[in-house]
Amino acid sequence: MHIIYLVTTILAALATGCAASLNFVGAESVKLVADRVRVSQRWMVPLGVVLASGAAGLLTGFGVPPLGTAAAIGLVVYFICAVIAHLRVRDRQVGGALFFLLLATAALMTGVAYRAHW
């Protein structure tokens, strides 16, 4: 279980950190998605901070488990909101948000399972 927890959490942190960096640099792909879901591009840096904090929290969770759990919960909530944002405007290109939601959920579940010694 330890290896699954490590791999899942590291993948989630890397993917989320990459998404955060795309927000910070104002990548065109991020701008297009923001326009599609009708989120102001002015929110890209603050949303990037949330993503970067989540990624850092996941990694910090290796040493401080409650922080990792809190970060994973925060990312799950963030990506639920992202899915809702797509559904709100009837955008069918919701695959990316669902992928990140599943990855964050996997990090949360494997972390909880590892710490509970299931």
PDB file of N, CA and C in Angstrom:
ATOM      1  N   MET A   1       0.830  -1.198   0.000  1.00  0.00           N
ATOM      2  CA  MET A   1       0.000   0.000   0.000  1.00  0.00           C
ATOM      3  C   MET A   1       0.870   1.255   0.000  1.00  0.00           C
ATOM      4  N   HIS A   2       2.037   1.141   0.630  1.00  0.00           N
ATOM      5  CA  HIS A   2       2.912   2.310   0.718  1.00  0.00           C
ATOM      6  C   HIS A   2       3.331   2.808  -0.667  1.00  0.00           C
ATOM      7  N   ILE A   3       3.673   1.896  -1.565  1.00  0.00           N
ATOM      8  CA  ILE A   3       4.112   2.291  -2.915  1.00  0.00           C
ATOM      9  C   ILE A   3       2.965   2.948  -3.679  1.00  0.00           C
ATOM     10  N   ILE A   4       1.772   2.386  -3.573  1.00  0.00           N
ATOM     11  CA  ILE A   4       0.609   2.961  -4.264  1.00  0.00           C
ATOM     12  C   ILE A   4       0.343   4.368  -3.748  1.00  0.00           C
ATOM     13  N   TYR A   5       0.397   4.550  -2.440  1.00  0.00           N
ATOM     14  CA  TYR A   5       0.209   5.870  -1.833  1.00  0.00           C
ATOM     15  C   TYR A   5       1.258   6.857  -2.332  1.00  0.00           C
ATOM     16  N   LEU A   6       2.515   6.454  -2.321  1.00  0.00           N
ATOM     17  CA  LEU A   6       3.591   7.337  -2.780  1.00  0.00           C
ATOM     18  C   LEU A   6       3.403   7.736  -4.242  1.00  0.00           C
ATOM     19  N   VAL A   7       3.192   6.752  -5.104  1.00  0.00           N
ATOM     20  CA  VAL A   7       3.080   7.020  -6.545  1.00  0.00           C
ATOM     21  C   VAL A   7       1.863   7.889  -6.835  1.00  0.00           C
ATOM     22  N   THR A   8       0.729   7.555  -6.261  1.00  0.00           N
ATOM     23  CA  THR A   8      -0.493   8.322  -6.506  1.00  0.00           C
ATOM     24  C   THR A   8      -0.347   9.767  -6.030  1.00  0.00           C
ATOM     25  N   THR A   9       0.198   9.932  -4.851  1.00  0.00           N
ATOM     26  CA  THR A   9       0.342  11.280  -4.296  1.00  0.00           C
ATOM     27  C   THR A   9       1.345  12.101  -5.094  1.00  0.00           C
ATOM     28  N   ILE A  10       2.455  11.496  -5.473  1.00  0.00           N
ATOM     29  CA  ILE A  10       3.455  12.226  -6.264  1.00  0.00           C
ATOM     30  C   ILE A  10       2.882  12.600  -7.636  1.00  0.00           C
ATOM     31  N   LEU A  11       2.169  11.681  -8.279  1.00  0.00           N
ATOM     32  CA  LEU A  11       1.546  12.002  -9.574  1.00  0.00           C
ATOM     33  C   LEU A  11       0.538  13.137  -9.442  1.00  0.00           C
ATOM     34  N   ALA A  12      -0.284  13.081  -8.390  1.00  0.00           N
ATOM     35  CA  ALA A  12      -1.267  14.141  -8.173  1.00  0.00           C
ATOM     36  C   ALA A  12      -0.572  15.482  -7.926  1.00  0.00           C
ATOM     37  N   ALA A  13       0.497  15.470  -7.142  1.00  0.00           N
ATOM     38  CA  ALA A  13       1.226  16.708  -6.860  1.00  0.00           C
ATOM     39  C   ALA A  13       1.887  17.258  -8.126  1.00  0.00           C
ATOM     40  N   LEU A  14       2.484  16.381  -8.925  1.00  0.00           N
ATOM     41  CA  LEU A  14       3.124  16.833 -10.172  1.00  0.00           C
ATOM     42  C   LEU A  14       2.102  17.399 -11.154  1.00  0.00           C
ATOM     43  N   ALA A  15       0.995  16.699 -11.336  1.00  0.00           N
ATOM     44  CA  ALA A  15      -0.028  17.170 -12.275  1.00  0.00           C
ATOM     45  C   ALA A  15      -0.627  18.492 -11.817  1.00  0.00           C
ATOM     46  N   THR A  16      -0.906  18.588 -10.528  1.00  0.00           N
ATOM     47  CA  THR A  16      -1.490  19.812  -9.989  1.00  0.00           C
ATOM     48  C   THR A  16      -0.487  20.958 -10.034  1.00  0.00           C
ATOM     49  N   GLY A  17       0.773  20.667  -9.745  1.00  0.00           N
ATOM     50  CA  GLY A  17       1.815  21.691  -9.841  1.00  0.00           C
ATOM     51  C   GLY A  17       1.992  22.184 -11.268  1.00  0.00           C
ATOM     52  N   CYS A  18       1.894  21.265 -12.224  1.00  0.00           N
ATOM     53  CA  CYS A  18       1.980  21.646 -13.638  1.00  0.00           C
ATOM     54  C   CYS A  18       0.808  22.550 -14.016  1.00  0.00           C
ATOM     55  N   ALA A  19      -0.396  22.189 -13.563  1.00  0.00           N
ATOM     56  CA  ALA A  19      -1.574  23.021 -13.835  1.00  0.00           C
ATOM     57  C   ALA A  19      -1.407  24.408 -13.214  1.00  0.00           C
ATOM     58  N   ALA A  20      -0.843  24.456 -12.011  1.00  0.00           N
ATOM     59  CA  ALA A  20      -0.613  25.743 -11.352  1.00  0.00           C
ATOM     60  C   ALA A  20       0.348  26.595 -12.166  1.00  0.00           C
ATOM     61  N   SER A  21       1.433  25.984 -12.652  1.00  0.00           N
ATOM     62  CA  SER A  21       2.409  26.755 -13.429  1.00  0.00           C
ATOM     63  C   SER A  21       1.796  27.275 -14.723  1.00  0.00           C
ATOM     64  N   LEU A  22       0.904  26.507 -15.338  1.00  0.00           N
ATOM     65  CA  LEU A  22       0.226  26.984 -16.550  1.00  0.00           C
ATOM     66  C   LEU A  22      -0.646  28.195 -16.229  1.00  0.00           C
ATOM     67  N   ASN A  23      -1.273  28.184 -15.054  1.00  0.00           N
ATOM     68  CA  ASN A  23      -2.050  29.349 -14.633  1.00  0.00           C
ATOM     69  C   ASN A  23      -1.146  30.559 -14.427  1.00  0.00           C
ATOM     70  N   PHE A  24       0.011  30.347 -13.792  1.00  0.00           N
ATOM     71  CA  PHE A  24       0.910  31.456 -13.489  1.00  0.00           C
ATOM     72  C   PHE A  24       1.463  32.119 -14.740  1.00  0.00           C
ATOM     73  N   VAL A  25       1.772  31.332 -15.751  1.00  0.00           N
ATOM     74  CA  VAL A  25       2.368  31.911 -16.968  1.00  0.00           C
ATOM     75  C   VAL A  25       1.317  32.385 -17.958  1.00  0.00           C
ATOM     76  N   GLY A  26       0.044  32.158 -17.641  1.00  0.00           N
ATOM     77  CA  GLY A  26      -1.024  32.611 -18.534  1.00  0.00           C
ATOM     78  C   GLY A  26      -1.076  31.835 -19.833  1.00  0.00           C
ATOM     79  N   ALA A  27      -0.940  30.532 -19.739  1.00  0.00           N
ATOM     80  CA  ALA A  27      -0.947  29.682 -20.933  1.00  0.00           C
ATOM     81  C   ALA A  27      -2.262  29.847 -21.696  1.00  0.00           C
ATOM     82  N   GLU A  28      -2.156  29.817 -22.997  1.00  0.00           N
ATOM     83  CA  GLU A  28      -3.323  29.999 -23.855  1.00  0.00           C
ATOM     84  C   GLU A  28      -4.378  28.926 -23.583  1.00  0.00           C
ATOM     85  N   SER A  29      -3.952  27.706 -23.318  1.00  0.00           N
ATOM     86  CA  SER A  29      -4.910  26.627 -23.048  1.00  0.00           C
ATOM     87  C   SER A  29      -5.755  26.938 -21.810  1.00  0.00           C
ATOM     88  N   VAL A  30      -5.140  27.516 -20.803  1.00  0.00           N
ATOM     89  CA  VAL A  30      -5.862  27.872 -19.584  1.00  0.00           C
ATOM     90  C   VAL A  30      -6.831  29.013 -19.863  1.00  0.00           C
ATOM     91  N   LYS A  31      -6.400  29.968 -20.662  1.00  0.00           N
ATOM     92  CA  LYS A  31      -7.275  31.090 -21.011  1.00  0.00           C
ATOM     93  C   LYS A  31      -8.495  30.621 -21.793  1.00  0.00           C
ATOM     94  N   LEU A  32      -8.288  29.678 -22.697  1.00  0.00           N
ATOM     95  CA  LEU A  32      -9.409  29.155 -23.487  1.00  0.00           C
ATOM     96  C   LEU A  32     -10.432  28.448 -22.605  1.00  0.00           C
ATOM     97  N   VAL A  33      -9.951  27.649 -21.674  1.00  0.00           N
ATOM     98  CA  VAL A  33     -10.864  26.954 -20.760  1.00  0.00           C
ATOM     99  C   VAL A  33     -11.598  27.961 -19.888  1.00  0.00           C
ATOM    100  N   ALA A  34     -10.887  28.961 -19.379  1.00  0.00           N
ATOM    101  CA  ALA A  34     -11.516  29.986 -18.542  1.00  0.00           C
ATOM    102  C   ALA A  34     -12.615  30.696 -19.319  1.00  0.00           C
ATOM    103  N   ASP A  35     -12.341  31.032 -20.564  1.00  0.00           N
ATOM    104  CA  ASP A  35     -13.362  31.686 -21.387  1.00  0.00           C
ATOM    105  C   ASP A  35     -14.562  30.770 -21.616  1.00  0.00           C
ATOM    106  N   ARG A  36     -14.289  29.491 -21.871  1.00  0.00           N
ATOM    107  CA  ARG A  36     -15.374  28.535 -22.118  1.00  0.00           C
ATOM    108  C   ARG A  36     -16.299  28.387 -20.915  1.00  0.00           C
ATOM    109  N   VAL A  37     -15.735  28.377 -19.729  1.00  0.00           N
ATOM    110  CA  VAL A  37     -16.553  28.192 -18.524  1.00  0.00           C
ATOM    111  C   VAL A  37     -16.938  29.520 -17.881  1.00  0.00           C
ATOM    112  N   ARG A  38     -16.620  30.604 -18.557  1.00  0.00           N
ATOM    113  CA  ARG A  38     -16.991  31.963 -18.129  1.00  0.00           C
ATOM    114  C   ARG A  38     -16.422  32.333 -16.766  1.00  0.00           C
ATOM    115  N   VAL A  39     -15.135  32.043 -16.608  1.00  0.00           N
ATOM    116  CA  VAL A  39     -14.395  32.466 -15.420  1.00  0.00           C
ATOM    117  C   VAL A  39     -13.415  33.541 -15.889  1.00  0.00           C
ATOM    118  N   SER A  40     -13.397  34.663 -15.194  1.00  0.00           N
ATOM    119  CA  SER A  40     -12.520  35.761 -15.573  1.00  0.00           C
ATOM    120  C   SER A  40     -11.058  35.319 -15.562  1.00  0.00           C
ATOM    121  N   GLN A  41     -10.314  35.755 -16.545  1.00  0.00           N
ATOM    122  CA  GLN A  41      -8.887  35.414 -16.607  1.00  0.00           C
ATOM    123  C   GLN A  41      -8.113  36.055 -15.461  1.00  0.00           C
ATOM    124  N   ARG A  42      -8.692  37.051 -14.809  1.00  0.00           N
ATOM    125  CA  ARG A  42      -8.048  37.648 -13.635  1.00  0.00           C
ATOM    126  C   ARG A  42      -7.953  36.657 -12.487  1.00  0.00           C
ATOM    127  N   TRP A  43      -8.741  35.586 -12.529  1.00  0.00           N
ATOM    128  CA  TRP A  43      -8.720  34.570 -11.479  1.00  0.00           C
ATOM    129  C   TRP A  43      -7.637  33.529 -11.688  1.00  0.00           C
ATOM    130  N   MET A  44      -6.933  33.594 -12.797  1.00  0.00           N
ATOM    131  CA  MET A  44      -5.968  32.538 -13.104  1.00  0.00           C
ATOM    132  C   MET A  44      -4.821  32.465 -12.093  1.00  0.00           C
ATOM    133  N   VAL A  45      -4.285  33.584 -11.691  1.00  0.00           N
ATOM    134  CA  VAL A  45      -3.184  33.551 -10.714  1.00  0.00           C
ATOM    135  C   VAL A  45      -3.690  33.103  -9.336  1.00  0.00           C
ATOM    136  N   PRO A  46      -4.817  33.663  -8.825  1.00  0.00           N
ATOM    137  CA  PRO A  46      -5.305  33.152  -7.536  1.00  0.00           C
ATOM    138  C   PRO A  46      -5.647  31.655  -7.577  1.00  0.00           C
ATOM    139  N   LEU A  47      -6.224  31.189  -8.670  1.00  0.00           N
ATOM    140  CA  LEU A  47      -6.520  29.762  -8.786  1.00  0.00           C
ATOM    141  C   LEU A  47      -5.225  28.956  -8.888  1.00  0.00           C
ATOM    142  N   GLY A  48      -4.222  29.520  -9.525  1.00  0.00           N
ATOM    143  CA  GLY A  48      -2.913  28.874  -9.576  1.00  0.00           C
ATOM    144  C   GLY A  48      -2.294  28.755  -8.197  1.00  0.00           C
ATOM    145  N   VAL A  49      -2.496  29.761  -7.367  1.00  0.00           N
ATOM    146  CA  VAL A  49      -1.987  29.707  -5.987  1.00  0.00           C
ATOM    147  C   VAL A  49      -2.669  28.572  -5.219  1.00  0.00           C
ATOM    148  N   VAL A  50      -3.976  28.416  -5.429  1.00  0.00           N
ATOM    149  CA  VAL A  50      -4.698  27.326  -4.767  1.00  0.00           C
ATOM    150  C   VAL A  50      -4.142  25.974  -5.225  1.00  0.00           C
ATOM    151  N   LEU A  51      -3.932  25.834  -6.536  1.00  0.00           N
ATOM    152  CA  LEU A  51      -3.389  24.581  -7.067  1.00  0.00           C
ATOM    153  C   LEU A  51      -1.979  24.312  -6.543  1.00  0.00           C
ATOM    154  N   ALA A  52      -1.135  25.332  -6.556  1.00  0.00           N
ATOM    155  CA  ALA A  52       0.238  25.169  -6.072  1.00  0.00           C
ATOM    156  C   ALA A  52       0.252  24.820  -4.583  1.00  0.00           C
ATOM    157  N   SER A  53      -0.631  25.438  -3.823  1.00  0.00           N
ATOM    158  CA  SER A  53      -0.720  25.133  -2.392  1.00  0.00           C
ATOM    159  C   SER A  53      -1.165  23.692  -2.179  1.00  0.00           C
ATOM    160  N   GLY A  54      -2.100  23.240  -2.995  1.00  0.00           N
ATOM    161  CA  GLY A  54      -2.545  21.854  -2.902  1.00  0.00           C
ATOM    162  C   GLY A  54      -1.430  20.885  -3.221  1.00  0.00           C
ATOM    163  N   ALA A  55      -0.675  21.183  -4.284  1.00  0.00           N
ATOM    164  CA  ALA A  55       0.450  20.312  -4.660  1.00  0.00           C
ATOM    165  C   ALA A  55       1.499  20.267  -3.552  1.00  0.00           C
ATOM    166  N   ALA A  56       1.839  21.440  -3.021  1.00  0.00           N
ATOM    167  CA  ALA A  56       2.825  21.492  -1.934  1.00  0.00           C
ATOM    168  C   ALA A  56       2.305  20.778  -0.689  1.00  0.00           C
ATOM    169  N   GLY A  57       1.014  20.933  -0.411  1.00  0.00           N
ATOM    170  CA  GLY A  57       0.420  20.274   0.741  1.00  0.00           C
ATOM    171  C   GLY A  57       0.444  18.757   0.628  1.00  0.00           C
ATOM    172  N   LEU A  58       0.207  18.252  -0.596  1.00  0.00           N
ATOM    173  CA  LEU A  58       0.267  16.804  -0.797  1.00  0.00           C
ATOM    174  C   LEU A  58       1.656  16.279  -0.463  1.00  0.00           C
ATOM    175  N   LEU A  59       2.673  16.981  -0.935  1.00  0.00           N
ATOM    176  CA  LEU A  59       4.049  16.536  -0.685  1.00  0.00           C
ATOM    177  C   LEU A  59       4.438  16.714   0.781  1.00  0.00           C
ATOM    178  N   THR A  60       3.985  17.793   1.380  1.00  0.00           N
ATOM    179  CA  THR A  60       4.257  18.025   2.796  1.00  0.00           C
ATOM    180  C   THR A  60       3.586  16.953   3.651  1.00  0.00           C
ATOM    181  N   GLY A  61       2.503  16.385   3.124  1.00  0.00           N
ATOM    182  CA  GLY A  61       1.778  15.343   3.836  1.00  0.00           C
ATOM    183  C   GLY A  61       2.591  14.096   4.111  1.00  0.00           C
ATOM    184  N   PHE A  62       3.689  13.903   3.370  1.00  0.00           N
ATOM    185  CA  PHE A  62       4.548  12.759   3.669  1.00  0.00           C
ATOM    186  C   PHE A  62       5.163  12.901   5.061  1.00  0.00           C
ATOM    187  N   GLY A  63       5.417  14.139   5.469  1.00  0.00           N
ATOM    188  CA  GLY A  63       5.991  14.385   6.793  1.00  0.00           C
ATOM    189  C   GLY A  63       4.960  14.783   7.830  1.00  0.00           C
ATOM    190  N   VAL A  64       3.901  15.451   7.384  1.00  0.00           N
ATOM    191  CA  VAL A  64       2.830  15.913   8.278  1.00  0.00           C
ATOM    192  C   VAL A  64       1.510  15.393   7.709  1.00  0.00           C
ATOM    193  N   PRO A  65       1.151  14.162   8.026  1.00  0.00           N
ATOM    194  CA  PRO A  65      -0.016  13.532   7.403  1.00  0.00           C
ATOM    195  C   PRO A  65      -1.326  14.333   7.430  1.00  0.00           C
ATOM    196  N   PRO A  66      -1.677  15.013   8.527  1.00  0.00           N
ATOM    197  CA  PRO A  66      -2.938  15.771   8.498  1.00  0.00           C
ATOM    198  C   PRO A  66      -2.933  16.876   7.431  1.00  0.00           C
ATOM    199  N   LEU A  67      -1.778  17.466   7.188  1.00  0.00           N
ATOM    200  CA  LEU A  67      -1.680  18.500   6.154  1.00  0.00           C
ATOM    201  C   LEU A  67      -1.897  17.897   4.767  1.00  0.00           C
ATOM    202  N   GLY A  68      -1.355  16.727   4.542  1.00  0.00           N
ATOM    203  CA  GLY A  68      -1.560  16.061   3.258  1.00  0.00           C
ATOM    204  C   GLY A  68      -3.020  15.712   3.030  1.00  0.00           C
ATOM    205  N   THR A  69      -3.671  15.251   4.082  1.00  0.00           N
ATOM    206  CA  THR A  69      -5.098  14.932   3.979  1.00  0.00           C
ATOM    207  C   THR A  69      -5.910  16.188   3.699  1.00  0.00           C
ATOM    208  N   ALA A  70      -5.594  17.260   4.398  1.00  0.00           N
ATOM    209  CA  ALA A  70      -6.301  18.524   4.186  1.00  0.00           C
ATOM    210  C   ALA A  70      -6.085  19.036   2.761  1.00  0.00           C
ATOM    211  N   ALA A  71      -4.857  18.926   2.267  1.00  0.00           N
ATOM    212  CA  ALA A  71      -4.568  19.365   0.903  1.00  0.00           C
ATOM    213  C   ALA A  71      -5.335  18.532  -0.115  1.00  0.00           C
ATOM    214  N   ALA A  72      -5.384  17.227   0.094  1.00  0.00           N
ATOM    215  CA  ALA A  72      -6.117  16.353  -0.826  1.00  0.00           C
ATOM    216  C   ALA A  72      -7.606  16.681  -0.812  1.00  0.00           C
ATOM    217  N   ILE A  73      -8.163  16.911   0.382  1.00  0.00           N
ATOM    218  CA  ILE A  73      -9.580  17.293   0.472  1.00  0.00           C
ATOM    219  C   ILE A  73      -9.812  18.610  -0.253  1.00  0.00           C
ATOM    220  N   GLY A  74      -8.911  19.569  -0.055  1.00  0.00           N
ATOM    221  CA  GLY A  74      -9.034  20.861  -0.734  1.00  0.00           C
ATOM    222  C   GLY A  74      -9.003  20.717  -2.247  1.00  0.00           C
ATOM    223  N   LEU A  75      -8.118  19.855  -2.749  1.00  0.00           N
ATOM    224  CA  LEU A  75      -8.047  19.644  -4.198  1.00  0.00           C
ATOM    225  C   LEU A  75      -9.289  18.945  -4.725  1.00  0.00           C
ATOM    226  N   VAL A  76      -9.815  17.990  -3.970  1.00  0.00           N
ATOM    227  CA  VAL A  76     -11.054  17.332  -4.394  1.00  0.00           C
ATOM    228  C   VAL A  76     -12.177  18.364  -4.497  1.00  0.00           C
ATOM    229  N   VAL A  77     -12.306  19.222  -3.504  1.00  0.00           N
ATOM    230  CA  VAL A  77     -13.339  20.266  -3.536  1.00  0.00           C
ATOM    231  C   VAL A  77     -13.097  21.210  -4.716  1.00  0.00           C
ATOM    232  N   TYR A  78     -11.849  21.608  -4.933  1.00  0.00           N
ATOM    233  CA  TYR A  78     -11.504  22.496  -6.047  1.00  0.00           C
ATOM    234  C   TYR A  78     -11.953  21.889  -7.380  1.00  0.00           C
ATOM    235  N   PHE A  79     -11.632  20.622  -7.585  1.00  0.00           N
ATOM    236  CA  PHE A  79     -11.952  20.009  -8.870  1.00  0.00           C
ATOM    237  C   PHE A  79     -13.430  19.658  -8.995  1.00  0.00           C
ATOM    238  N   ILE A  80     -14.132  19.443  -7.889  1.00  0.00           N
ATOM    239  CA  ILE A  80     -15.596  19.331  -7.962  1.00  0.00           C
ATOM    240  C   ILE A  80     -16.163  20.648  -8.462  1.00  0.00           C
ATOM    241  N   CYS A  81     -15.642  21.753  -7.949  1.00  0.00           N
ATOM    242  CA  CYS A  81     -16.084  23.071  -8.412  1.00  0.00           C
ATOM    243  C   CYS A  81     -15.747  23.281  -9.887  1.00  0.00           C
ATOM    244  N   ALA A  82     -14.593  22.773 -10.320  1.00  0.00           N
ATOM    245  CA  ALA A  82     -14.221  22.895 -11.733  1.00  0.00           C
ATOM    246  C   ALA A  82     -15.191  22.117 -12.613  1.00  0.00           C
ATOM    247  N   VAL A  83     -15.547  20.912 -12.198  1.00  0.00           N
ATOM    248  CA  VAL A  83     -16.522  20.124 -12.965  1.00  0.00           C
ATOM    249  C   VAL A  83     -17.857  20.860 -13.015  1.00  0.00           C
ATOM    250  N   ILE A  84     -18.283  21.391 -11.883  1.00  0.00           N
ATOM    251  CA  ILE A  84     -19.543  22.144 -11.833  1.00  0.00           C
ATOM    252  C   ILE A  84     -19.485  23.355 -12.758  1.00  0.00           C
ATOM    253  N   ALA A  85     -18.342  24.022 -12.809  1.00  0.00           N
ATOM    254  CA  ALA A  85     -18.195  25.182 -13.697  1.00  0.00           C
ATOM    255  C   ALA A  85     -18.417  24.774 -15.153  1.00  0.00           C
ATOM    256  N   HIS A  86     -17.897  23.617 -15.531  1.00  0.00           N
ATOM    257  CA  HIS A  86     -18.112  23.128 -16.899  1.00  0.00           C
ATOM    258  C   HIS A  86     -19.582  22.781 -17.122  1.00  0.00           C
ATOM    259  N   LEU A  87     -20.174  22.089 -16.177  1.00  0.00           N
ATOM    260  CA  LEU A  87     -21.571  21.676 -16.327  1.00  0.00           C
ATOM    261  C   LEU A  87     -22.519  22.871 -16.329  1.00  0.00           C
ATOM    262  N   ARG A  88     -22.159  23.889 -15.556  1.00  0.00           N
ATOM    263  CA  ARG A  88     -22.997  25.088 -15.450  1.00  0.00           C
ATOM    264  C   ARG A  88     -23.224  25.733 -16.805  1.00  0.00           C
ATOM    265  N   VAL A  89     -22.205  25.721 -17.650  1.00  0.00           N
ATOM    266  CA  VAL A  89     -22.313  26.352 -18.973  1.00  0.00           C
ATOM    267  C   VAL A  89     -22.532  25.315 -20.074  1.00  0.00           C
ATOM    268  N   ARG A  90     -22.828  24.085 -19.653  1.00  0.00           N
ATOM    269  CA  ARG A  90     -23.080  22.976 -20.576  1.00  0.00           C
ATOM    270  C   ARG A  90     -21.884  22.701 -21.500  1.00  0.00           C
ATOM    271  N   ASP A  91     -20.689  22.845 -20.937  1.00  0.00           N
ATOM    272  CA  ASP A  91     -19.461  22.546 -21.675  1.00  0.00           C
ATOM    273  C   ASP A  91     -19.195  21.056 -21.564  1.00  0.00           C
ATOM    274  N   ARG A  92     -19.135  20.388 -22.677  1.00  0.00           N
ATOM    275  CA  ARG A  92     -18.926  18.939 -22.672  1.00  0.00           C
ATOM    276  C   ARG A  92     -17.457  18.555 -22.613  1.00  0.00           C
ATOM    277  N   GLN A  93     -16.564  19.510 -22.674  1.00  0.00           N
ATOM    278  CA  GLN A  93     -15.129  19.228 -22.593  1.00  0.00           C
ATOM    279  C   GLN A  93     -14.694  19.269 -21.129  1.00  0.00           C
ATOM    280  N   VAL A  94     -15.242  18.353 -20.377  1.00  0.00           N
ATOM    281  CA  VAL A  94     -15.031  18.320 -18.939  1.00  0.00           C
ATOM    282  C   VAL A  94     -14.006  17.243 -18.549  1.00  0.00           C
ATOM    283  N   GLY A  95     -13.439  16.577 -19.521  1.00  0.00           N
ATOM    284  CA  GLY A  95     -12.524  15.467 -19.262  1.00  0.00           C
ATOM    285  C   GLY A  95     -11.320  15.840 -18.416  1.00  0.00           C
ATOM    286  N   GLY A  96     -10.716  16.981 -18.671  1.00  0.00           N
ATOM    287  CA  GLY A  96      -9.550  17.406 -17.897  1.00  0.00           C
ATOM    288  C   GLY A  96      -9.886  17.601 -16.428  1.00  0.00           C
ATOM    289  N   ALA A  97     -10.993  18.278 -16.170  1.00  0.00           N
ATOM    290  CA  ALA A  97     -11.408  18.503 -14.783  1.00  0.00           C
ATOM    291  C   ALA A  97     -11.729  17.180 -14.095  1.00  0.00           C
ATOM    292  N   LEU A  98     -12.370  16.265 -14.820  1.00  0.00           N
ATOM    293  CA  LEU A  98     -12.679  14.951 -14.245  1.00  0.00           C
ATOM    294  C   LEU A  98     -11.411  14.160 -13.962  1.00  0.00           C
ATOM    295  N   PHE A  99     -10.443  14.238 -14.860  1.00  0.00           N
ATOM    296  CA  PHE A  99      -9.168  13.548 -14.645  1.00  0.00           C
ATOM    297  C   PHE A  99      -8.500  14.038 -13.366  1.00  0.00           C
ATOM    298  N   PHE A 100      -8.412  15.367 -13.213  1.00  0.00           N
ATOM    299  CA  PHE A 100      -7.788  15.921 -12.012  1.00  0.00           C
ATOM    300  C   PHE A 100      -8.594  15.583 -10.762  1.00  0.00           C
ATOM    301  N   LEU A 101      -9.917  15.571 -10.871  1.00  0.00           N
ATOM    302  CA  LEU A 101     -10.760  15.185  -9.739  1.00  0.00           C
ATOM    303  C   LEU A 101     -10.474  13.742  -9.333  1.00  0.00           C
ATOM    304  N   LEU A 102     -10.391  12.853 -10.304  1.00  0.00           N
ATOM    305  CA  LEU A 102     -10.105  11.452  -9.997  1.00  0.00           C
ATOM    306  C   LEU A 102      -8.711  11.280  -9.401  1.00  0.00           C
ATOM    307  N   LEU A 103      -7.749  12.032  -9.910  1.00  0.00           N
ATOM    308  CA  LEU A 103      -6.387  11.947  -9.390  1.00  0.00           C
ATOM    309  C   LEU A 103      -6.320  12.453  -7.945  1.00  0.00           C
ATOM    310  N   ALA A 104      -6.973  13.574  -7.671  1.00  0.00           N
ATOM    311  CA  ALA A 104      -6.989  14.111  -6.303  1.00  0.00           C
ATOM    312  C   ALA A 104      -7.725  13.154  -5.361  1.00  0.00           C
ATOM    313  N   THR A 105      -8.813  12.564  -5.846  1.00  0.00           N
ATOM    314  CA  THR A 105      -9.563  11.604  -5.033  1.00  0.00           C
ATOM    315  C   THR A 105      -8.716  10.370  -4.750  1.00  0.00           C
ATOM    316  N   ALA A 106      -7.981   9.915  -5.746  1.00  0.00           N
ATOM    317  CA  ALA A 106      -7.101   8.758  -5.548  1.00  0.00           C
ATOM    318  C   ALA A 106      -6.018   9.068  -4.516  1.00  0.00           C
ATOM    319  N   ALA A 107      -5.457  10.273  -4.575  1.00  0.00           N
ATOM    320  CA  ALA A 107      -4.447  10.668  -3.589  1.00  0.00           C
ATOM    321  C   ALA A 107      -5.056  10.695  -2.189  1.00  0.00           C
ATOM    322  N   LEU A 108      -6.259  11.226  -2.081  1.00  0.00           N
ATOM    323  CA  LEU A 108      -6.933  11.275  -0.784  1.00  0.00           C
ATOM    324  C   LEU A 108      -7.208   9.870  -0.261  1.00  0.00           C
ATOM    325  N   MET A 109      -7.776   9.034  -1.098  1.00  0.00           N
ATOM    326  CA  MET A 109      -8.169   7.693  -0.660  1.00  0.00           C
ATOM    327  C   MET A 109      -6.960   6.814  -0.323  1.00  0.00           C
ATOM    328  N   THR A 110      -5.915   6.883  -1.132  1.00  0.00           N
ATOM    329  CA  THR A 110      -4.742   6.058  -0.819  1.00  0.00           C
ATOM    330  C   THR A 110      -4.045   6.568   0.436  1.00  0.00           C
ATOM    331  N   GLY A 111      -4.046   7.878   0.634  1.00  0.00           N
ATOM    332  CA  GLY A 111      -3.452   8.421   1.858  1.00  0.00           C
ATOM    333  C   GLY A 111      -4.209   7.990   3.099  1.00  0.00           C
ATOM    334  N   VAL A 112      -5.538   8.064   3.033  1.00  0.00           N
ATOM    335  CA  VAL A 112      -6.348   7.639   4.171  1.00  0.00           C
ATOM    336  C   VAL A 112      -6.181   6.130   4.402  1.00  0.00           C
ATOM    337  N   ALA A 113      -6.204   5.352   3.332  1.00  0.00           N
ATOM    338  CA  ALA A 113      -6.067   3.906   3.466  1.00  0.00           C
ATOM    339  C   ALA A 113      -4.691   3.533   4.030  1.00  0.00           C
ATOM    340  N   TYR A 114      -3.656   4.210   3.563  1.00  0.00           N
ATOM    341  CA  TYR A 114      -2.310   3.922   4.053  1.00  0.00           C
ATOM    342  C   TYR A 114      -2.189   4.229   5.551  1.00  0.00           C
ATOM    343  N   ARG A 115      -2.713   5.366   5.941  1.00  0.00           N
ATOM    344  CA  ARG A 115      -2.593   5.766   7.332  1.00  0.00           C
ATOM    345  C   ARG A 115      -3.481   4.935   8.250  1.00  0.00           C
ATOM    346  N   ALA A 116      -4.566   4.395   7.702  1.00  0.00           N
ATOM    347  CA  ALA A 116      -5.463   3.552   8.509  1.00  0.00           C
ATOM    348  C   ALA A 116      -4.984   2.107   8.525  1.00  0.00           C
ATOM    349  N   HIS A 117      -3.951   1.807   7.730  1.00  0.00           N
ATOM    350  CA  HIS A 117      -3.377   0.463   7.622  1.00  0.00           C
ATOM    351  C   HIS A 117      -4.411  -0.569   7.202  1.00  0.00           C
ATOM    352  N   TRP A 118      -5.184  -0.225   6.167  1.00  0.00           N
ATOM    353  CA  TRP A 118      -6.180  -1.158   5.645  1.00  0.00           C
ATOM    354  C   TRP A 118      -5.539  -2.263   4.907  1.00  0.00           C
TER     355      TRP A 118
END
